[in-house]
Amino acid sequence: SRDFDKDTAYLEMNRLEPEDTAIYFCAVDRSNPLATSDAPGS
């Protein structure tokens, strides 16, 4: 989720499993966001 006013994103994680153990990184695509409007995972 995002808070557009605060320029902040969130990741709500439920039912966590040992396999979820990791370092979690946040990232942004600022240069070409329109190209992935329908497929943000790309």
PDB file of all heavy atoms in Angstrom:
ATOM      1  N   SER A   1       0.846  -1.185   0.000  1.00  0.00           N
ATOM      2  CA  SER A   1       0.000   0.000   0.000  1.00  0.00           C
ATOM      3  C   SER A   1       0.887   1.242   0.000  1.00  0.00           C
ATOM      4  O   SER A   1       2.100   1.147   0.202  1.00  0.00           O
ATOM      5  CB  SER A   1      -0.935   0.002   1.201  1.00  0.00           C
ATOM      6  OG  SER A   1      -0.196   0.022   2.407  1.00  0.00           O
ATOM      7  N   ARG A   2       0.264   2.373  -0.245  1.00  0.00           N
ATOM      8  CA  ARG A   2       0.995   3.641  -0.284  1.00  0.00           C
ATOM      9  C   ARG A   2       0.205   4.724   0.400  1.00  0.00           C
ATOM     10  O   ARG A   2      -1.032   4.718   0.369  1.00  0.00           O
ATOM     11  CB  ARG A   2       1.253   4.068  -1.734  1.00  0.00           C
ATOM     12  CG  ARG A   2       2.252   3.273  -2.472  1.00  0.00           C
ATOM     13  CD  ARG A   2       2.322   3.715  -3.916  1.00  0.00           C
ATOM     14  NE  ARG A   2       2.715   5.116  -4.051  1.00  0.00           N
ATOM     15  CZ  ARG A   2       2.859   5.727  -5.222  1.00  0.00           C
ATOM     16  NH1 ARG A   2       2.627   5.065  -6.338  1.00  0.00           N
ATOM     17  NH2 ARG A   2       3.212   6.989  -5.274  1.00  0.00           N
ATOM     18  N   ASP A   3       0.941   5.653   0.989  1.00  0.00           N
ATOM     19  CA  ASP A   3       0.368   6.901   1.470  1.00  0.00           C
ATOM     20  C   ASP A   3       0.946   7.985   0.568  1.00  0.00           C
ATOM     21  O   ASP A   3       2.107   8.359   0.718  1.00  0.00           O
ATOM     22  CB  ASP A   3       0.731   7.137   2.940  1.00  0.00           C
ATOM     23  CG  ASP A   3       0.054   8.364   3.504  1.00  0.00           C
ATOM     24  OD1 ASP A   3      -0.153   9.353   2.750  1.00  0.00           O
ATOM     25  OD2 ASP A   3      -0.247   8.364   4.709  1.00  0.00           O
ATOM     26  N   PHE A   4       0.129   8.454  -0.376  1.00  0.00           N
ATOM     27  CA  PHE A   4       0.629   9.398  -1.368  1.00  0.00           C
ATOM     28  C   PHE A   4       1.026  10.722  -0.729  1.00  0.00           C
ATOM     29  O   PHE A   4       1.932  11.392  -1.194  1.00  0.00           O
ATOM     30  CB  PHE A   4      -0.421   9.624  -2.450  1.00  0.00           C
ATOM     31  CG  PHE A   4      -0.566   8.464  -3.384  1.00  0.00           C
ATOM     32  CD1 PHE A   4      -1.322   7.363  -3.032  1.00  0.00           C
ATOM     33  CD2 PHE A   4       0.061   8.455  -4.614  1.00  0.00           C
ATOM     34  CE1 PHE A   4      -1.462   6.265  -3.885  1.00  0.00           C
ATOM     35  CE2 PHE A   4      -0.073   7.379  -5.482  1.00  0.00           C
ATOM     36  CZ  PHE A   4      -0.825   6.285  -5.112  1.00  0.00           C
ATOM     37  N   ASP A   5       0.356  11.089   0.331  1.00  0.00           N
ATOM     38  CA  ASP A   5       0.668  12.366   0.978  1.00  0.00           C
ATOM     39  C   ASP A   5       1.997  12.316   1.711  1.00  0.00           C
ATOM     40  O   ASP A   5       2.669  13.335   1.839  1.00  0.00           O
ATOM     41  CB  ASP A   5      -0.446  12.747   1.956  1.00  0.00           C
ATOM     42  CG  ASP A   5      -1.733  13.087   1.246  1.00  0.00           C
ATOM     43  OD1 ASP A   5      -1.673  13.511   0.074  1.00  0.00           O
ATOM     44  OD2 ASP A   5      -2.807  12.916   1.848  1.00  0.00           O
ATOM     45  N   LYS A   6       2.361  11.155   2.207  1.00  0.00           N
ATOM     46  CA  LYS A   6       3.578  11.026   3.007  1.00  0.00           C
ATOM     47  C   LYS A   6       4.745  10.461   2.209  1.00  0.00           C
ATOM     48  O   LYS A   6       5.830  10.265   2.779  1.00  0.00           O
ATOM     49  CB  LYS A   6       3.315  10.127   4.212  1.00  0.00           C
ATOM     50  CG  LYS A   6       2.318  10.690   5.206  1.00  0.00           C
ATOM     51  CD  LYS A   6       2.148   9.753   6.401  1.00  0.00           C
ATOM     52  CE  LYS A   6       1.188  10.333   7.409  1.00  0.00           C
ATOM     53  NZ  LYS A   6       0.997   9.418   8.573  1.00  0.00           N
ATOM     54  N   ASP A   7       4.541  10.166   0.923  1.00  0.00           N
ATOM     55  CA  ASP A   7       5.601   9.542   0.120  1.00  0.00           C
ATOM     56  C   ASP A   7       6.142   8.310   0.826  1.00  0.00           C
ATOM     57  O   ASP A   7       7.363   8.116   0.947  1.00  0.00           O
ATOM     58  CB  ASP A   7       6.746  10.520  -0.165  1.00  0.00           C
ATOM     59  CG  ASP A   7       6.463  11.413  -1.369  1.00  0.00           C
ATOM     60  OD1 ASP A   7       5.514  11.095  -2.110  1.00  0.00           O
ATOM     61  OD2 ASP A   7       7.183  12.399  -1.549  1.00  0.00           O
ATOM     62  N   THR A   8       5.244   7.488   1.283  1.00  0.00           N
ATOM     63  CA  THR A   8       5.609   6.290   2.038  1.00  0.00           C
ATOM     64  C   THR A   8       4.856   5.083   1.490  1.00  0.00           C
ATOM     65  O   THR A   8       3.689   5.190   1.133  1.00  0.00           O
ATOM     66  CB  THR A   8       5.279   6.472   3.522  1.00  0.00           C
ATOM     67  OG1 THR A   8       6.005   7.595   4.033  1.00  0.00           O
ATOM     68  CG2 THR A   8       5.652   5.235   4.329  1.00  0.00           C
ATOM     69  N   ALA A   9       5.554   3.968   1.416  1.00  0.00           N
ATOM     70  CA  ALA A   9       4.936   2.708   1.019  1.00  0.00           C
ATOM     71  C   ALA A   9       5.014   1.730   2.181  1.00  0.00           C
ATOM     72  O   ALA A   9       5.872   1.860   3.066  1.00  0.00           O
ATOM     73  CB  ALA A   9       5.629   2.130  -0.205  1.00  0.00           C
ATOM     74  N   TYR A  10       4.119   0.767   2.154  1.00  0.00           N
ATOM     75  CA  TYR A  10       4.054  -0.212   3.233  1.00  0.00           C
ATOM     76  C   TYR A  10       3.968  -1.619   2.647  1.00  0.00           C
ATOM     77  O   TYR A  10       3.491  -1.815   1.527  1.00  0.00           O
ATOM     78  CB  TYR A  10       2.821   0.039   4.112  1.00  0.00           C
ATOM     79  CG  TYR A  10       2.759   1.436   4.671  1.00  0.00           C
ATOM     80  CD1 TYR A  10       2.026   2.428   4.028  1.00  0.00           C
ATOM     81  CD2 TYR A  10       3.436   1.765   5.842  1.00  0.00           C
ATOM     82  CE1 TYR A  10       1.967   3.717   4.537  1.00  0.00           C
ATOM     83  CE2 TYR A  10       3.384   3.053   6.355  1.00  0.00           C
ATOM     84  CZ  TYR A  10       2.652   4.018   5.699  1.00  0.00           C
ATOM     85  OH  TYR A  10       2.606   5.295   6.199  1.00  0.00           O
ATOM     86  N   LEU A  11       4.405  -2.571   3.417  1.00  0.00           N
ATOM     87  CA  LEU A  11       4.220  -3.972   3.076  1.00  0.00           C
ATOM     88  C   LEU A  11       3.666  -4.662   4.308  1.00  0.00           C
ATOM     89  O   LEU A  11       4.378  -4.837   5.302  1.00  0.00           O
ATOM     90  CB  LEU A  11       5.526  -4.627   2.629  1.00  0.00           C
ATOM     91  CG  LEU A  11       5.383  -6.061   2.133  1.00  0.00           C
ATOM     92  CD1 LEU A  11       4.586  -6.105   0.817  1.00  0.00           C
ATOM     93  CD2 LEU A  11       6.746  -6.718   1.939  1.00  0.00           C
ATOM     94  N   GLU A  12       2.398  -5.006   4.242  1.00  0.00           N
ATOM     95  CA  GLU A  12       1.741  -5.731   5.323  1.00  0.00           C
ATOM     96  C   GLU A  12       1.992  -7.212   5.081  1.00  0.00           C
ATOM     97  O   GLU A  12       1.641  -7.745   4.025  1.00  0.00           O
ATOM     98  CB  GLU A  12       0.247  -5.434   5.328  1.00  0.00           C
ATOM     99  CG  GLU A  12      -0.483  -5.965   6.527  1.00  0.00           C
ATOM    100  CD  GLU A  12      -0.264  -5.125   7.777  1.00  0.00           C
ATOM    101  OE1 GLU A  12      -0.125  -3.896   7.653  1.00  0.00           O
ATOM    102  OE2 GLU A  12      -0.214  -5.722   8.872  1.00  0.00           O
ATOM    103  N   MET A  13       2.591  -7.879   6.056  1.00  0.00           N
ATOM    104  CA  MET A  13       2.950  -9.292   5.906  1.00  0.00           C
ATOM    105  C   MET A  13       2.238 -10.102   6.976  1.00  0.00           C
ATOM    106  O   MET A  13       2.428  -9.851   8.170  1.00  0.00           O
ATOM    107  CB  MET A  13       4.468  -9.473   6.011  1.00  0.00           C
ATOM    108  CG  MET A  13       5.241  -8.597   5.037  1.00  0.00           C
ATOM    109  SD  MET A  13       7.008  -8.961   5.031  1.00  0.00           S
ATOM    110  CE  MET A  13       7.433  -8.450   6.690  1.00  0.00           C
ATOM    111  N   ASN A  14       1.433 -11.052   6.552  1.00  0.00           N
ATOM    112  CA  ASN A  14       0.677 -11.904   7.465  1.00  0.00           C
ATOM    113  C   ASN A  14       1.044 -13.360   7.250  1.00  0.00           C
ATOM    114  O   ASN A  14       1.581 -13.740   6.210  1.00  0.00           O
ATOM    115  CB  ASN A  14      -0.821 -11.698   7.246  1.00  0.00           C
ATOM    116  CG  ASN A  14      -1.253 -10.273   7.516  1.00  0.00           C
ATOM    117  OD1 ASN A  14      -0.979  -9.718   8.581  1.00  0.00           O
ATOM    118  ND2 ASN A  14      -1.923  -9.656   6.544  1.00  0.00           N
ATOM    119  N   ARG A  15       0.713 -14.158   8.226  1.00  0.00           N
ATOM    120  CA  ARG A  15       0.972 -15.611   8.164  1.00  0.00           C
ATOM    121  C   ARG A  15       2.412 -15.875   7.714  1.00  0.00           C
ATOM    122  O   ARG A  15       2.662 -16.667   6.804  1.00  0.00           O
ATOM    123  CB  ARG A  15      -0.025 -16.296   7.240  1.00  0.00           C
ATOM    124  CG  ARG A  15      -1.472 -16.054   7.660  1.00  0.00           C
ATOM    125  CD  ARG A  15      -2.435 -17.062   7.068  1.00  0.00           C
ATOM    126  NE  ARG A  15      -2.305 -17.256   5.654  1.00  0.00           N
ATOM    127  CZ  ARG A  15      -2.912 -16.511   4.738  1.00  0.00           C
ATOM    128  NH1 ARG A  15      -3.635 -15.478   5.110  1.00  0.00           N
ATOM    129  NH2 ARG A  15      -2.775 -16.781   3.460  1.00  0.00           N
ATOM    130  N   LEU A  16       3.332 -15.229   8.379  1.00  0.00           N
ATOM    131  CA  LEU A  16       4.734 -15.335   7.996  1.00  0.00           C
ATOM    132  C   LEU A  16       5.258 -16.751   8.185  1.00  0.00           C
ATOM    133  O   LEU A  16       4.873 -17.454   9.133  1.00  0.00           O
ATOM    134  CB  LEU A  16       5.575 -14.344   8.796  1.00  0.00           C
ATOM    135  CG  LEU A  16       5.468 -12.894   8.303  1.00  0.00           C
ATOM    136  CD1 LEU A  16       5.917 -11.921   9.370  1.00  0.00           C
ATOM    137  CD2 LEU A  16       6.289 -12.709   7.030  1.00  0.00           C
ATOM    138  N   GLU A  17       6.151 -17.119   7.272  1.00  0.00           N
ATOM    139  CA  GLU A  17       6.742 -18.458   7.271  1.00  0.00           C
ATOM    140  C   GLU A  17       8.261 -18.318   7.370  1.00  0.00           C
ATOM    141  O   GLU A  17       8.816 -17.284   7.001  1.00  0.00           O
ATOM    142  CB  GLU A  17       6.381 -19.161   5.962  1.00  0.00           C
ATOM    143  CG  GLU A  17       4.892 -19.250   5.700  1.00  0.00           C
ATOM    144  CD  GLU A  17       4.584 -19.699   4.277  1.00  0.00           C
ATOM    145  OE1 GLU A  17       5.521 -19.807   3.463  1.00  0.00           O
ATOM    146  OE2 GLU A  17       3.380 -19.945   3.998  1.00  0.00           O
ATOM    147  N   PRO A  18       8.934 -19.353   7.851  1.00  0.00           N
ATOM    148  CA  PRO A  18      10.412 -19.277   7.919  1.00  0.00           C
ATOM    149  C   PRO A  18      11.044 -18.930   6.568  1.00  0.00           C
ATOM    150  O   PRO A  18      12.080 -18.261   6.528  1.00  0.00           O
ATOM    151  CB  PRO A  18      10.806 -20.682   8.379  1.00  0.00           C
ATOM    152  CG  PRO A  18       9.627 -21.143   9.182  1.00  0.00           C
ATOM    153  CD  PRO A  18       8.423 -20.571   8.494  1.00  0.00           C
ATOM    154  N   GLU A  19      10.391 -19.339   5.474  1.00  0.00           N
ATOM    155  CA  GLU A  19      10.921 -19.057   4.140  1.00  0.00           C
ATOM    156  C   GLU A  19      10.844 -17.570   3.788  1.00  0.00           C
ATOM    157  O   GLU A  19      11.421 -17.132   2.790  1.00  0.00           O
ATOM    158  CB  GLU A  19      10.153 -19.852   3.088  1.00  0.00           C
ATOM    159  CG  GLU A  19      10.370 -21.368   3.150  1.00  0.00           C
ATOM    160  CD  GLU A  19       9.646 -22.018   4.321  1.00  0.00           C
ATOM    161  OE1 GLU A  19       8.670 -21.440   4.843  1.00  0.00           O
ATOM    162  OE2 GLU A  19      10.077 -23.118   4.721  1.00  0.00           O
ATOM    163  N   ASP A  20      10.129 -16.796   4.581  1.00  0.00           N
ATOM    164  CA  ASP A  20      10.063 -15.352   4.350  1.00  0.00           C
ATOM    165  C   ASP A  20      11.251 -14.615   4.966  1.00  0.00           C
ATOM    166  O   ASP A  20      11.383 -13.400   4.778  1.00  0.00           O
ATOM    167  CB  ASP A  20       8.766 -14.784   4.938  1.00  0.00           C
ATOM    168  CG  ASP A  20       7.535 -15.329   4.255  1.00  0.00           C
ATOM    169  OD1 ASP A  20       7.540 -15.435   3.009  1.00  0.00           O
ATOM    170  OD2 ASP A  20       6.559 -15.666   4.969  1.00  0.00           O
ATOM    171  N   THR A  21      12.075 -15.321   5.688  1.00  0.00           N
ATOM    172  CA  THR A  21      13.257 -14.704   6.286  1.00  0.00           C
ATOM    173  C   THR A  21      14.168 -14.141   5.205  1.00  0.00           C
ATOM    174  O   THR A  21      14.569 -14.854   4.283  1.00  0.00           O
ATOM    175  CB  THR A  21      14.026 -15.736   7.129  1.00  0.00           C
ATOM    176  OG1 THR A  21      13.212 -16.135   8.225  1.00  0.00           O
ATOM    177  CG2 THR A  21      15.334 -15.147   7.643  1.00  0.00           C
ATOM    178  N   ALA A  22      14.458 -12.850   5.305  1.00  0.00           N
ATOM    179  CA  ALA A  22      15.265 -12.181   4.275  1.00  0.00           C
ATOM    180  C   ALA A  22      15.469 -10.726   4.673  1.00  0.00           C
ATOM    181  O   ALA A  22      14.830 -10.233   5.609  1.00  0.00           O
ATOM    182  CB  ALA A  22      14.566 -12.239   2.916  1.00  0.00           C
ATOM    183  N   ILE A  23      16.328 -10.065   3.924  1.00  0.00           N
ATOM    184  CA  ILE A  23      16.404  -8.614   4.000  1.00  0.00           C
ATOM    185  C   ILE A  23      15.417  -8.087   2.967  1.00  0.00           C
ATOM    186  O   ILE A  23      15.447  -8.493   1.801  1.00  0.00           O
ATOM    187  CB  ILE A  23      17.823  -8.103   3.694  1.00  0.00           C
ATOM    188  CG1 ILE A  23      18.813  -8.657   4.700  1.00  0.00           C
ATOM    189  CG2 ILE A  23      17.843  -6.572   3.707  1.00  0.00           C
ATOM    190  CD1 ILE A  23      20.259  -8.326   4.393  1.00  0.00           C
ATOM    191  N   TYR A  24      14.557  -7.201   3.392  1.00  0.00           N
ATOM    192  CA  TYR A  24      13.530  -6.638   2.523  1.00  0.00           C
ATOM    193  C   TYR A  24      13.935  -5.229   2.091  1.00  0.00           C
ATOM    194  O   TYR A  24      14.253  -4.383   2.930  1.00  0.00           O
ATOM    195  CB  TYR A  24      12.185  -6.611   3.238  1.00  0.00           C
ATOM    196  CG  TYR A  24      11.551  -7.975   3.289  1.00  0.00           C
ATOM    197  CD1 TYR A  24      12.065  -8.970   4.117  1.00  0.00           C
ATOM    198  CD2 TYR A  24      10.456  -8.294   2.488  1.00  0.00           C
ATOM    199  CE1 TYR A  24      11.506 -10.239   4.152  1.00  0.00           C
ATOM    200  CE2 TYR A  24       9.888  -9.557   2.519  1.00  0.00           C
ATOM    201  CZ  TYR A  24      10.416 -10.527   3.348  1.00  0.00           C
ATOM    202  OH  TYR A  24       9.865 -11.780   3.377  1.00  0.00           O
ATOM    203  N   PHE A  25      13.911  -5.030   0.790  1.00  0.00           N
ATOM    204  CA  PHE A  25      14.309  -3.761   0.184  1.00  0.00           C
ATOM    205  C   PHE A  25      13.116  -3.070  -0.458  1.00  0.00           C
ATOM    206  O   PHE A  25      12.290  -3.712  -1.110  1.00  0.00           O
ATOM    207  CB  PHE A  25      15.371  -3.987  -0.894  1.00  0.00           C
ATOM    208  CG  PHE A  25      16.645  -4.611  -0.400  1.00  0.00           C
ATOM    209  CD1 PHE A  25      16.793  -5.988  -0.390  1.00  0.00           C
ATOM    210  CD2 PHE A  25      17.693  -3.824   0.044  1.00  0.00           C
ATOM    211  CE1 PHE A  25      17.971  -6.578   0.052  1.00  0.00           C
ATOM    212  CE2 PHE A  25      18.873  -4.389   0.484  1.00  0.00           C
ATOM    213  CZ  PHE A  25      19.006  -5.769   0.495  1.00  0.00           C
ATOM    214  N   CYS A  26      13.078  -1.790  -0.299  1.00  0.00           N
ATOM    215  CA  CYS A  26      12.119  -0.947  -0.989  1.00  0.00           C
ATOM    216  C   CYS A  26      12.798  -0.364  -2.224  1.00  0.00           C
ATOM    217  O   CYS A  26      14.005  -0.067  -2.193  1.00  0.00           O
ATOM    218  CB  CYS A  26      11.692   0.166  -0.037  1.00  0.00           C
ATOM    219  SG  CYS A  26      10.674   1.437  -0.764  1.00  0.00           S
ATOM    220  N   ALA A  27      12.032  -0.186  -3.293  1.00  0.00           N
ATOM    221  CA  ALA A  27      12.596   0.380  -4.512  1.00  0.00           C
ATOM    222  C   ALA A  27      11.538   1.190  -5.247  1.00  0.00           C
ATOM    223  O   ALA A  27      10.337   0.940  -5.068  1.00  0.00           O
ATOM    224  CB  ALA A  27      13.113  -0.731  -5.422  1.00  0.00           C
ATOM    225  N   VAL A  28      11.984   2.135  -6.058  1.00  0.00           N
ATOM    226  CA  VAL A  28      11.062   2.906  -6.887  1.00  0.00           C
ATOM    227  C   VAL A  28      11.591   2.977  -8.318  1.00  0.00           C
ATOM    228  O   VAL A  28      12.801   2.995  -8.554  1.00  0.00           O
ATOM    229  CB  VAL A  28      10.821   4.336  -6.354  1.00  0.00           C
ATOM    230  CG1 VAL A  28      10.180   4.301  -4.991  1.00  0.00           C
ATOM    231  CG2 VAL A  28      12.091   5.160  -6.359  1.00  0.00           C
ATOM    232  N   ASP A  29      10.649   3.016  -9.231  1.00  0.00           N
ATOM    233  CA  ASP A  29      10.937   3.291 -10.637  1.00  0.00           C
ATOM    234  C   ASP A  29      10.410   4.683 -10.898  1.00  0.00           C
ATOM    235  O   ASP A  29       9.194   4.876 -11.054  1.00  0.00           O
ATOM    236  CB  ASP A  29      10.258   2.271 -11.537  1.00  0.00           C
ATOM    237  CG  ASP A  29      10.313   2.672 -13.010  1.00  0.00           C
ATOM    238  OD1 ASP A  29      11.072   3.594 -13.362  1.00  0.00           O
ATOM    239  OD2 ASP A  29       9.573   2.057 -13.803  1.00  0.00           O
ATOM    240  N   ARG A  30      11.307   5.617 -10.941  1.00  0.00           N
ATOM    241  CA  ARG A  30      10.928   7.008 -11.128  1.00  0.00           C
ATOM    242  C   ARG A  30      11.071   7.458 -12.579  1.00  0.00           C
ATOM    243  O   ARG A  30      10.466   8.430 -12.990  1.00  0.00           O
ATOM    244  CB  ARG A  30      11.804   7.886 -10.218  1.00  0.00           C
ATOM    245  CG  ARG A  30      11.400   9.339 -10.144  1.00  0.00           C
ATOM    246  CD  ARG A  30      12.210  10.079  -9.090  1.00  0.00           C
ATOM    247  NE  ARG A  30      11.879  11.478  -9.047  1.00  0.00           N
ATOM    248  CZ  ARG A  30      12.473  12.399  -9.801  1.00  0.00           C
ATOM    249  NH1 ARG A  30      13.423  12.049 -10.649  1.00  0.00           N
ATOM    250  NH2 ARG A  30      12.109  13.664  -9.705  1.00  0.00           N
ATOM    251  N   SER A  31      11.873   6.732 -13.345  1.00  0.00           N
ATOM    252  CA  SER A  31      12.195   7.203 -14.694  1.00  0.00           C
ATOM    253  C   SER A  31      11.174   6.804 -15.741  1.00  0.00           C
ATOM    254  O   SER A  31      10.957   7.539 -16.711  1.00  0.00           O
ATOM    255  CB  SER A  31      13.563   6.655 -15.109  1.00  0.00           C
ATOM    256  OG  SER A  31      13.533   5.243 -15.134  1.00  0.00           O
ATOM    257  N   ASN A  32      10.473   5.686 -15.558  1.00  0.00           N
ATOM    258  CA  ASN A  32       9.544   5.245 -16.599  1.00  0.00           C
ATOM    259  C   ASN A  32       8.356   4.480 -16.024  1.00  0.00           C
ATOM    260  O   ASN A  32       8.063   3.357 -16.457  1.00  0.00           O
ATOM    261  CB  ASN A  32      10.285   4.364 -17.609  1.00  0.00           C
ATOM    262  CG  ASN A  32       9.537   4.229 -18.914  1.00  0.00           C
ATOM    263  OD1 ASN A  32       8.653   5.024 -19.233  1.00  0.00           O
ATOM    264  ND2 ASN A  32       9.870   3.195 -19.673  1.00  0.00           N
ATOM    265  N   PRO A  33       7.657   5.059 -15.078  1.00  0.00           N
ATOM    266  CA  PRO A  33       6.566   4.330 -14.424  1.00  0.00           C
ATOM    267  C   PRO A  33       5.374   4.039 -15.327  1.00  0.00           C
ATOM    268  O   PRO A  33       4.666   3.059 -15.103  1.00  0.00           O
ATOM    269  CB  PRO A  33       6.174   5.262 -13.270  1.00  0.00           C
ATOM    270  CG  PRO A  33       6.556   6.621 -13.749  1.00  0.00           C
ATOM    271  CD  PRO A  33       7.817   6.416 -14.536  1.00  0.00           C
ATOM    272  N   LEU A  34       5.162   4.887 -16.349  1.00  0.00           N
ATOM    273  CA  LEU A  34       3.995   4.688 -17.211  1.00  0.00           C
ATOM    274  C   LEU A  34       4.101   3.388 -18.004  1.00  0.00           C
ATOM    275  O   LEU A  34       3.078   2.789 -18.351  1.00  0.00           O
ATOM    276  CB  LEU A  34       3.852   5.876 -18.167  1.00  0.00           C
ATOM    277  CG  LEU A  34       3.558   7.221 -17.508  1.00  0.00           C
ATOM    278  CD1 LEU A  34       3.428   8.303 -18.571  1.00  0.00           C
ATOM    279  CD2 LEU A  34       2.297   7.156 -16.670  1.00  0.00           C
ATOM    280  N   ALA A  35       5.320   2.958 -18.272  1.00  0.00           N
ATOM    281  CA  ALA A  35       5.511   1.758 -19.078  1.00  0.00           C
ATOM    282  C   ALA A  35       5.004   0.507 -18.386  1.00  0.00           C
ATOM    283  O   ALA A  35       4.703  -0.490 -19.041  1.00  0.00           O
ATOM    284  CB  ALA A  35       6.981   1.595 -19.431  1.00  0.00           C
ATOM    285  N   THR A  36       4.898   0.551 -17.092  1.00  0.00           N
ATOM    286  CA  THR A  36       4.463  -0.637 -16.339  1.00  0.00           C
ATOM    287  C   THR A  36       3.215  -0.334 -15.517  1.00  0.00           C
ATOM    288  O   THR A  36       3.008  -0.922 -14.458  1.00  0.00           O
ATOM    289  CB  THR A  36       5.585  -1.150 -15.430  1.00  0.00           C
ATOM    290  OG1 THR A  36       6.008  -0.089 -14.563  1.00  0.00           O
ATOM    291  CG2 THR A  36       6.777  -1.619 -16.246  1.00  0.00           C
ATOM    292  N   SER A  37       2.384   0.552 -16.027  1.00  0.00           N
ATOM    293  CA  SER A  37       1.159   0.928 -15.301  1.00  0.00           C
ATOM    294  C   SER A  37       0.283  -0.275 -15.006  1.00  0.00           C
ATOM    295  O   SER A  37      -0.343  -0.347 -13.950  1.00  0.00           O
ATOM    296  CB  SER A  37       0.365   1.945 -16.129  1.00  0.00           C
ATOM    297  OG  SER A  37       1.044   3.169 -16.208  1.00  0.00           O
ATOM    298  N   ASP A  38       0.216  -1.211 -15.955  1.00  0.00           N
ATOM    299  CA  ASP A  38      -0.635  -2.383 -15.788  1.00  0.00           C
ATOM    300  C   ASP A  38       0.138  -3.591 -15.281  1.00  0.00           C
ATOM    301  O   ASP A  38      -0.470  -4.629 -14.989  1.00  0.00           O
ATOM    302  CB  ASP A  38      -1.318  -2.734 -17.108  1.00  0.00           C
ATOM    303  CG  ASP A  38      -2.254  -1.629 -17.568  1.00  0.00           C
ATOM    304  OD1 ASP A  38      -2.893  -1.012 -16.697  1.00  0.00           O
ATOM    305  OD2 ASP A  38      -2.327  -1.373 -18.781  1.00  0.00           O
ATOM    306  N   ALA A  39       1.421  -3.490 -15.228  1.00  0.00           N
ATOM    307  CA  ALA A  39       2.256  -4.611 -14.790  1.00  0.00           C
ATOM    308  C   ALA A  39       3.410  -4.084 -13.953  1.00  0.00           C
ATOM    309  O   ALA A  39       4.574  -4.143 -14.362  1.00  0.00           O
ATOM    310  CB  ALA A  39       2.785  -5.386 -16.002  1.00  0.00           C
ATOM    311  N   PRO A  40       3.110  -3.565 -12.777  1.00  0.00           N
ATOM    312  CA  PRO A  40       4.169  -2.934 -11.974  1.00  0.00           C
ATOM    313  C   PRO A  40       5.278  -3.880 -11.564  1.00  0.00           C
ATOM    314  O   PRO A  40       6.392  -3.431 -11.253  1.00  0.00           O
ATOM    315  CB  PRO A  40       3.393  -2.404 -10.761  1.00  0.00           C
ATOM    316  CG  PRO A  40       2.131  -3.200 -10.708  1.00  0.00           C
ATOM    317  CD  PRO A  40       1.792  -3.506 -12.130  1.00  0.00           C
ATOM    318  N   GLY A  41       5.017  -5.151 -11.591  1.00  0.00           N
ATOM    319  CA  GLY A  41       6.062  -6.114 -11.247  1.00  0.00           C
ATOM    320  C   GLY A  41       7.187  -6.163 -12.251  1.00  0.00           C
ATOM    321  O   GLY A  41       8.260  -6.705 -11.966  1.00  0.00           O
ATOM    322  N   SER A  42       6.965  -5.559 -13.406  1.00  0.00           N
ATOM    323  CA  SER A  42       7.989  -5.555 -14.456  1.00  0.00           C
ATOM    324  C   SER A  42       8.850  -4.297 -14.429  1.00  0.00           C
ATOM    325  O   SER A  42       9.649  -4.080 -15.339  1.00  0.00           O
ATOM    326  CB  SER A  42       7.313  -5.652 -15.835  1.00  0.00           C
ATOM    327  OG  SER A  42       6.552  -6.834 -15.924  1.00  0.00           O
TER     328      SER A  42
END
